């Protein structure tokens, strides 16, 4: 088994080396990949900003077939087949990714490849990488950050996680998460939010509850932990009309809901979480970094920690105490119903301010521009 893995790693690196050595020398190309084939997240925000600021740059994306419909015409979409993907990556001057290589895969990075890591979980509650519990038999120690040139963070907390979770000792740019630039300036994106609602068939006056749990290491699919019918009923006791959207994590195969639940809309298919947060009025999650992202809007966030003991026992101890950080936390459906019934009795902007201080949040709303400026600088040196 080890011999097979070694041979596979050697073949990949050798092939990338050959592609790198035969690359076009006068072409300015940036390679993007988000969750190994989506058009989404921080890479998407950077890609779109790059096209605005430097339309002459060739933009190449790793895209799975089901997401190709969302890709702009100016993007060169590459399917996730090893031969084409490795070649595109090796020949690009700059790499922009939101996931981290594992050492055993074997990736060749040439002297003229500049690698930007925009890790997608800046303010997630759970431990990552080398911080996870090895005694539970999980293998998280394969992360390789040795080739990374620039790590993107949005908080003091995020920097600490990069240093300790990934053992990264290189340069960190702390300007914010590019995907969150629109949340920092949410009032400027009202038309975009209306378009997303229209695309999903949601009435403009309907309030949106988004339930977005993170994945479980021991399960391939997710279970909706909250009672949607009870949650919506509690919210509508305030005299408003609400619709629940549910979204599974990108590492899960889907999310199942009790057949007796009230109407909901599964938006797992929607390519970018950032768009969904634009239209959300209340976010319920568990241990996901989207909680820290959505707080930038000053709108309500509730953590449904119905399985915290089991979750931590599976080897994912939380890195922070969420109550100490300032979050609203429900430990069961009864507590959740009570919170939702009294949602407007809380000062959600004050809650957001407290949590942001706890994290040392540094969201500038100009992260995309800052990273693109660095990309252009590197391209002009080639």
Protein backbone atom coordinates (compact mmCIF):
# COMPACT_ATOMS: atom_id res chain seq x y z
CA UNK A 1 0.00 0.00 0.00
CA UNK A 2 2.78 2.43 0.91
CA UNK A 3 4.64 1.55 -2.29
CA UNK A 4 1.51 2.25 -4.37
CA UNK A 5 1.03 5.62 -2.65
CA UNK A 6 4.69 6.49 -3.20
CA UNK A 7 4.47 5.65 -6.91
CA UNK A 8 1.27 7.67 -7.32
CA UNK A 9 2.86 10.65 -5.57
CA UNK A 10 6.00 10.40 -7.72
CA UNK A 11 3.97 10.20 -10.94
CA UNK A 12 1.87 13.25 -10.04
CA UNK A 13 4.89 15.35 -9.12
CA UNK A 14 6.81 14.27 -12.20
CA UNK A 15 3.90 15.09 -14.48
CA UNK A 16 3.42 18.52 -12.87
CA UNK A 17 7.14 19.20 -13.19
CA UNK A 18 7.02 18.40 -16.91
CA UNK A 19 3.97 20.64 -17.38
CA UNK A 20 5.65 23.43 -15.42
CA UNK A 21 8.81 23.28 -17.50
CA UNK A 22 6.84 23.43 -20.77
CA UNK A 23 4.44 26.21 -19.71
CA UNK A 24 3.89 29.30 -21.89
CA UNK A 25 6.41 31.85 -20.60
CA UNK A 26 4.56 35.03 -21.59
CA UNK A 27 1.08 34.14 -20.35
CA UNK A 28 -0.42 35.65 -17.17
CA UNK A 29 -2.62 32.91 -15.76
CA UNK A 30 -4.26 32.41 -12.36
CA UNK A 31 -5.59 28.99 -11.32
CA UNK A 32 -8.59 28.87 -8.96
CA UNK A 33 -10.12 25.93 -7.10
CA UNK A 34 -12.86 25.95 -4.47
CA UNK A 35 -13.85 22.76 -2.63
CA UNK A 36 -12.27 20.77 -5.48
CA UNK A 37 -14.71 21.77 -8.18
CA UNK A 38 -17.24 24.42 -7.14
CA UNK A 39 -17.47 28.01 -8.34
CA UNK A 40 -17.75 29.56 -4.91
CA UNK A 41 -16.33 30.97 -1.70
CA UNK A 42 -13.20 33.14 -1.36
CA UNK A 43 -11.70 32.07 -4.70
CA UNK A 44 -14.86 33.22 -6.52
CA UNK A 45 -14.77 36.66 -4.88
CA UNK A 46 -11.09 37.05 -5.78
CA UNK A 47 -11.62 35.79 -9.34
CA UNK A 48 -14.41 38.26 -10.04
CA UNK A 49 -12.42 41.11 -8.53
CA UNK A 50 -9.37 40.11 -10.60
CA UNK A 51 -11.43 40.26 -13.79
CA UNK A 52 -12.63 43.75 -12.89
CA UNK A 53 -9.17 45.03 -12.03
CA UNK A 54 -7.12 43.18 -14.67
CA UNK A 55 -9.38 41.79 -17.43
CA UNK A 56 -6.36 40.81 -19.53
CA UNK A 57 -5.35 38.08 -17.06
CA UNK A 58 -6.34 34.53 -18.01
CA UNK A 59 -8.53 32.98 -15.31
CA UNK A 60 -8.64 29.18 -15.08
CA UNK A 61 -10.99 27.29 -12.75
CA UNK A 62 -11.23 23.67 -11.65
CA UNK A 63 -14.96 23.01 -12.17
CA UNK A 64 -17.14 19.93 -11.79
CA UNK A 65 -19.71 19.54 -14.60
CA UNK A 66 -22.72 20.35 -12.38
CA UNK A 67 -21.28 23.78 -11.53
CA UNK A 68 -20.22 24.82 -15.03
CA UNK A 69 -23.50 26.67 -15.61
CA UNK A 70 -22.54 29.21 -12.95
CA UNK A 71 -19.13 30.05 -14.44
CA UNK A 72 -18.77 33.39 -16.32
CA UNK A 73 -17.81 33.36 -20.01
CA UNK A 74 -14.39 34.85 -19.32
CA UNK A 75 -13.35 31.82 -17.23
CA UNK A 76 -11.57 28.80 -18.70
CA UNK A 77 -13.21 25.84 -16.94
CA UNK A 78 -11.10 22.71 -16.42
CA UNK A 79 -12.79 19.42 -15.39
CA UNK A 80 -11.35 17.68 -12.29
CA UNK A 81 -9.54 14.97 -14.19
CA UNK A 82 -5.94 14.54 -12.99
CA UNK A 83 -4.28 15.05 -16.38
CA UNK A 84 -6.03 18.34 -17.19
CA UNK A 85 -6.24 19.70 -13.63
CA UNK A 86 -2.60 19.06 -12.72
CA UNK A 87 -1.44 20.57 -16.00
CA UNK A 88 -3.52 23.73 -15.53
CA UNK A 89 -2.27 24.15 -11.98
CA UNK A 90 1.38 23.56 -12.84
CA UNK A 91 1.34 26.05 -15.71
CA UNK A 92 -0.45 28.89 -13.88
CA UNK A 93 1.64 31.68 -12.37
CA UNK A 94 -0.63 32.02 -9.31
CA UNK A 95 -2.74 29.47 -7.43
CA UNK A 96 -5.77 30.54 -5.36
CA UNK A 97 -7.29 27.71 -3.28
CA UNK A 98 -9.55 27.29 -0.25
CA UNK A 99 -8.54 23.74 0.70
CA UNK A 100 -5.17 22.35 1.72
CA UNK A 101 -3.16 19.59 0.06
CA UNK A 102 -2.33 16.41 1.84
CA UNK A 103 1.32 15.41 1.78
CA UNK A 104 0.66 11.98 0.31
CA UNK A 105 -0.96 13.40 -2.84
CA UNK A 106 2.24 14.82 -4.24
CA UNK A 107 2.05 18.33 -5.71
CA UNK A 108 4.89 20.00 -7.56
CA UNK A 109 5.25 23.75 -7.15
CA UNK A 110 7.80 25.52 -9.28
CA UNK A 111 9.86 28.56 -8.38
CA UNK A 112 7.52 30.80 -10.40
CA UNK A 113 4.27 29.42 -8.95
CA UNK A 114 2.82 31.71 -6.25
CA UNK A 115 0.39 29.90 -3.94
CA UNK A 116 -2.35 31.80 -2.04
CA UNK A 117 -4.35 29.84 0.54
CA UNK A 118 -7.76 31.38 1.39
CA UNK A 119 -8.82 28.74 3.93
CA UNK A 120 -12.63 28.69 4.25
CA UNK A 121 -13.01 28.35 8.04
CA UNK A 122 -11.46 31.42 9.66
CA UNK A 123 -13.77 31.58 12.69
CA UNK A 124 -15.08 28.03 12.96
CA UNK A 125 -15.56 26.76 16.49
CA UNK A 126 -14.15 23.30 15.89
CA UNK A 127 -10.50 22.29 15.97
CA UNK A 128 -8.71 21.63 12.68
CA UNK A 129 -5.56 19.92 11.43
CA UNK A 130 -2.97 19.24 14.09
CA UNK A 131 -5.32 20.52 16.82
CA UNK A 132 -7.73 17.60 16.43
CA UNK A 133 -7.81 14.58 18.70
CA UNK A 134 -5.57 11.85 17.24
CA UNK A 135 -6.58 9.38 19.95
CA UNK A 136 -9.93 8.90 18.20
CA UNK A 137 -8.24 7.33 15.22
CA UNK A 138 -8.75 10.22 12.82
CA UNK A 139 -5.96 11.15 10.44
CA UNK A 140 -5.74 14.93 10.30
CA UNK A 141 -1.99 15.22 10.28
CA UNK A 142 -1.51 15.07 6.52
CA UNK A 143 -1.89 18.78 5.83
CA UNK A 144 1.01 20.27 3.91
CA UNK A 145 1.53 24.04 4.02
CA UNK A 146 5.22 23.99 3.17
CA UNK A 147 4.61 25.38 -0.34
CA UNK A 148 2.18 28.12 0.65
CA UNK A 149 3.36 31.69 0.00
CA UNK A 150 0.43 33.65 1.46
CA UNK A 151 -2.31 32.64 3.90
CA UNK A 152 -5.46 34.76 4.04
CA UNK A 153 -7.06 35.37 7.43
CA UNK A 154 -9.79 37.58 8.85
CA UNK A 155 -9.09 37.58 12.58
CA UNK A 156 -6.45 37.10 15.24
CA UNK A 157 -8.21 33.81 15.98
CA UNK A 158 -7.82 32.74 12.34
CA UNK A 159 -4.11 33.49 12.41
CA UNK A 160 -3.66 31.35 15.53
CA UNK A 161 -5.52 28.46 13.90
CA UNK A 162 -3.28 28.68 10.82
CA UNK A 163 -0.14 28.67 12.96
CA UNK A 164 -1.22 25.88 15.31
CA UNK A 165 -3.67 23.87 13.21
CA UNK A 166 -1.62 23.80 10.00
CA UNK A 167 1.83 24.59 11.45
CA UNK A 168 2.06 27.43 8.93
CA UNK A 169 4.94 29.83 9.55
CA UNK A 170 4.78 31.99 6.41
CA UNK A 171 3.19 35.33 5.53
CA UNK A 172 -0.42 35.98 6.57
CA UNK A 173 -2.60 38.72 5.09
CA UNK A 174 -5.22 39.77 7.63
CA UNK A 175 -7.65 41.86 5.57
CA UNK A 176 -10.74 39.66 5.86
CA UNK A 177 -12.39 36.83 3.96
CA UNK A 178 -12.98 37.92 0.35
CA UNK A 179 -16.38 36.20 0.33
CA UNK A 180 -17.39 38.46 3.24
CA UNK A 181 -16.67 41.78 1.52
CA UNK A 182 -20.32 41.90 0.44
CA UNK A 183 -21.52 41.16 3.99
CA UNK A 184 -19.47 44.06 5.36
CA UNK A 185 -21.15 46.29 2.76
CA UNK A 186 -24.49 44.47 2.70
CA UNK A 187 -26.55 47.63 2.03
CA UNK A 188 -24.76 48.00 -1.31
CA UNK A 189 -25.88 44.51 -2.38
CA UNK A 190 -29.65 44.78 -1.98
CA UNK A 191 -30.26 44.31 -5.70
CA UNK A 192 -28.04 41.23 -5.73
CA UNK A 193 -29.92 39.83 -2.73
CA UNK A 194 -33.25 40.43 -4.47
CA UNK A 195 -31.96 38.59 -7.53
CA UNK A 196 -30.90 35.59 -5.42
CA UNK A 197 -34.35 35.46 -3.82
CA UNK A 198 -35.98 35.65 -7.24
CA UNK A 199 -33.72 32.86 -8.53
CA UNK A 200 -34.83 30.64 -5.64
CA UNK A 201 -38.50 31.57 -5.99
CA UNK A 202 -38.73 33.26 -2.59
CA UNK A 203 -41.23 36.08 -2.11
CA UNK A 204 -39.50 39.36 -1.35
CA UNK A 205 -41.47 39.92 1.88
CA UNK A 206 -40.79 36.46 3.33
CA UNK A 207 -38.24 36.25 6.13
CA UNK A 208 -35.49 33.67 5.58
CA UNK A 209 -34.16 31.23 8.17
CA UNK A 210 -31.05 29.42 6.96
CA UNK A 211 -30.08 26.19 8.72
CA UNK A 212 -26.52 25.23 7.75
CA UNK A 213 -24.77 22.64 9.95
CA UNK A 214 -21.19 21.52 9.48
CA UNK A 215 -20.19 17.95 8.59
CA UNK A 216 -19.60 15.06 10.97
CA UNK A 217 -16.36 13.09 10.57
CA UNK A 218 -18.10 9.76 11.13
CA UNK A 219 -21.06 10.30 8.76
CA UNK A 220 -21.24 10.71 4.98
CA UNK A 221 -24.61 12.50 5.09
CA UNK A 222 -26.21 14.90 7.52
CA UNK A 223 -29.40 14.83 9.57
CA UNK A 224 -31.43 17.96 10.17
CA UNK A 225 -31.10 18.30 13.94
CA UNK A 226 -33.68 21.03 14.43
CA UNK A 227 -37.46 20.64 14.24
CA UNK A 228 -38.23 22.90 11.29
CA UNK A 229 -41.98 23.07 11.96
CA UNK A 230 -41.49 24.03 15.62
CA UNK A 231 -38.77 26.54 14.75
CA UNK A 232 -40.83 28.29 12.08
CA UNK A 233 -43.89 28.32 14.36
CA UNK A 234 -41.84 29.97 17.10
CA UNK A 235 -40.57 32.62 14.68
CA UNK A 236 -44.01 33.31 13.24
CA UNK A 237 -45.39 33.95 16.72
CA UNK A 238 -43.89 37.40 16.15
CA UNK A 239 -46.38 38.00 13.33
CA UNK A 240 -44.04 37.44 10.35
CA UNK A 241 -43.93 34.91 7.53
CA UNK A 242 -40.80 32.73 7.52
CA UNK A 243 -39.29 30.16 5.17
CA UNK A 244 -36.57 27.72 6.24
CA UNK A 245 -33.70 27.00 3.87
CA UNK A 246 -31.42 24.05 4.63
CA UNK A 247 -27.93 23.53 3.26
CA UNK A 248 -25.57 20.62 3.82
CA UNK A 249 -21.81 20.96 4.08
CA UNK A 250 -19.74 20.49 0.91
CA UNK A 251 -18.14 17.34 2.39
CA UNK A 252 -21.53 15.71 2.98
CA UNK A 253 -23.68 13.84 0.49
CA UNK A 254 -26.81 15.70 1.51
CA UNK A 255 -29.06 16.48 4.44
CA UNK A 256 -32.14 14.48 5.44
CA UNK A 257 -35.24 15.98 7.05
CA UNK A 258 -38.12 14.38 8.95
CA UNK A 259 -40.94 13.69 6.47
CA UNK A 260 -43.46 15.30 8.84
CA UNK A 261 -41.61 18.60 8.81
CA UNK A 262 -43.17 21.84 7.59
CA UNK A 263 -42.26 23.17 4.12
CA UNK A 264 -38.62 24.01 3.56
CA UNK A 265 -36.27 24.61 0.65
CA UNK A 266 -33.09 22.57 0.26
CA UNK A 267 -30.46 24.94 -1.17
CA UNK A 268 -27.54 22.53 -1.04
CA UNK A 269 -27.44 22.72 -4.83
CA UNK A 270 -26.87 26.47 -4.76
CA UNK A 271 -23.19 27.06 -5.60
CA UNK A 272 -22.19 29.78 -3.15
CA UNK A 273 -22.96 30.16 0.54
CA UNK A 274 -22.04 33.87 0.39
CA UNK A 275 -25.07 34.57 -1.81
CA UNK A 276 -27.37 32.72 0.60
CA UNK A 277 -26.11 34.74 3.55
CA UNK A 278 -27.08 37.88 1.63
CA UNK A 279 -30.75 36.92 1.77
CA UNK A 280 -30.75 35.39 5.26
CA UNK A 281 -32.51 37.07 8.20
CA UNK A 282 -31.62 34.44 10.80
CA UNK A 283 -28.84 31.84 10.71
CA UNK A 284 -28.94 28.62 12.71
CA UNK A 285 -25.79 26.52 12.56
CA UNK A 286 -23.76 24.43 14.96
CA UNK A 287 -19.94 24.59 14.79
CA UNK A 288 -19.48 26.21 11.37
CA UNK A 289 -17.46 29.33 10.56
CA UNK A 290 -20.50 30.73 8.73
CA UNK A 291 -21.70 31.90 12.17
CA UNK A 292 -18.75 34.29 12.41
CA UNK A 293 -19.30 35.40 8.82
CA UNK A 294 -22.99 36.18 9.25
CA UNK A 295 -22.41 38.20 12.40
CA UNK A 296 -20.89 40.86 10.14
CA UNK A 297 -24.45 41.77 9.15
CA UNK A 298 -25.54 42.38 12.75
CA UNK A 299 -28.44 39.96 12.22
CA UNK A 300 -29.37 37.06 14.54
CA UNK A 301 -27.24 33.92 14.81
CA UNK A 302 -28.19 30.94 16.98
CA UNK A 303 -25.96 27.91 17.57
CA UNK A 304 -27.93 24.65 17.86
CA UNK A 305 -25.57 22.55 19.97
CA UNK A 306 -27.83 19.55 20.42
CA UNK A 307 -24.95 17.05 20.16
CA UNK A 308 -21.95 18.88 21.55
CA UNK A 309 -20.78 16.06 23.83
CA UNK A 310 -21.01 13.47 21.06
CA UNK A 311 -19.42 15.81 18.55
CA UNK A 312 -16.42 16.48 20.75
CA UNK A 313 -16.15 12.78 21.64
CA UNK A 314 -15.67 11.99 17.94
CA UNK A 315 -12.35 13.86 18.03
CA UNK A 316 -13.50 17.41 17.30
CA UNK A 317 -13.22 19.30 20.60
CA UNK A 318 -14.25 22.94 20.31
CA UNK A 319 -11.41 25.43 20.35
CA UNK A 320 -13.48 28.07 22.15
CA UNK A 321 -16.37 28.23 24.58
CA UNK A 322 -19.20 29.64 22.41
CA UNK A 323 -21.11 31.06 25.38
CA UNK A 324 -17.97 32.84 26.57
CA UNK A 325 -17.49 34.22 23.07
CA UNK A 326 -20.98 35.72 23.29
CA UNK A 327 -23.07 33.51 20.99
CA UNK A 328 -26.71 32.62 21.60
CA UNK A 329 -26.66 28.84 22.16
CA UNK A 330 -29.54 26.35 22.33
CA UNK A 331 -28.78 22.89 23.68
CA UNK A 332 -32.10 21.34 22.67
CA UNK A 333 -35.23 22.14 20.66
CA UNK A 334 -37.07 23.52 23.68
CA UNK A 335 -34.31 26.09 24.28
CA UNK A 336 -34.26 26.89 20.56
CA UNK A 337 -38.02 27.49 20.48
CA UNK A 338 -37.73 29.87 23.42
CA UNK A 339 -34.91 31.82 21.76
CA UNK A 340 -36.79 32.10 18.48
CA UNK A 341 -40.04 33.19 20.14
CA UNK A 342 -38.13 35.99 21.85
CA UNK A 343 -35.75 36.72 18.97
CA UNK A 344 -36.29 40.48 18.95
CA UNK A 345 -35.72 40.88 22.67
CA UNK A 346 -31.98 40.48 22.09
CA UNK A 347 -29.59 43.19 20.89
CA UNK A 348 -28.06 41.28 18.01
CA UNK A 349 -25.68 44.04 16.99
CA UNK A 350 -24.28 44.09 20.53
CA UNK A 351 -23.91 40.29 20.40
CA UNK A 352 -22.07 40.58 17.09
CA UNK A 353 -19.76 43.25 18.49
CA UNK A 354 -18.89 41.07 21.49
CA UNK A 355 -18.15 37.99 19.37
CA UNK A 356 -16.06 40.03 16.93
CA UNK A 357 -14.00 41.41 19.80
CA UNK A 358 -13.52 37.89 21.14
CA UNK A 359 -12.16 36.69 17.78
CA UNK A 360 -10.19 39.85 17.05
CA UNK A 361 -12.06 40.16 13.76
CA UNK A 362 -10.35 42.21 11.05
CA UNK A 363 -12.91 42.26 8.22
CA UNK A 364 -12.11 45.35 6.13
CA UNK A 365 -14.57 44.83 3.29
CA UNK A 366 -11.61 45.28 0.90
CA UNK A 367 -10.02 41.85 1.15
CA UNK A 368 -10.58 40.93 -2.49
CA UNK A 369 -8.91 44.10 -3.72
CA UNK A 370 -5.93 43.61 -1.40
CA UNK A 371 -5.34 40.06 -2.63
CA UNK A 372 -5.83 40.98 -6.29
CA UNK A 373 -3.26 43.76 -5.91
CA UNK A 374 -0.79 41.16 -4.65
CA UNK A 375 -1.65 38.85 -7.56
CA UNK A 376 -1.10 41.61 -10.12
CA UNK A 377 2.19 42.47 -8.46
CA UNK A 378 3.37 38.87 -8.79
CA UNK A 379 2.19 38.54 -12.38
CA UNK A 380 4.03 41.70 -13.41
CA UNK A 381 7.30 40.25 -12.10
CA UNK A 382 7.09 37.25 -14.43
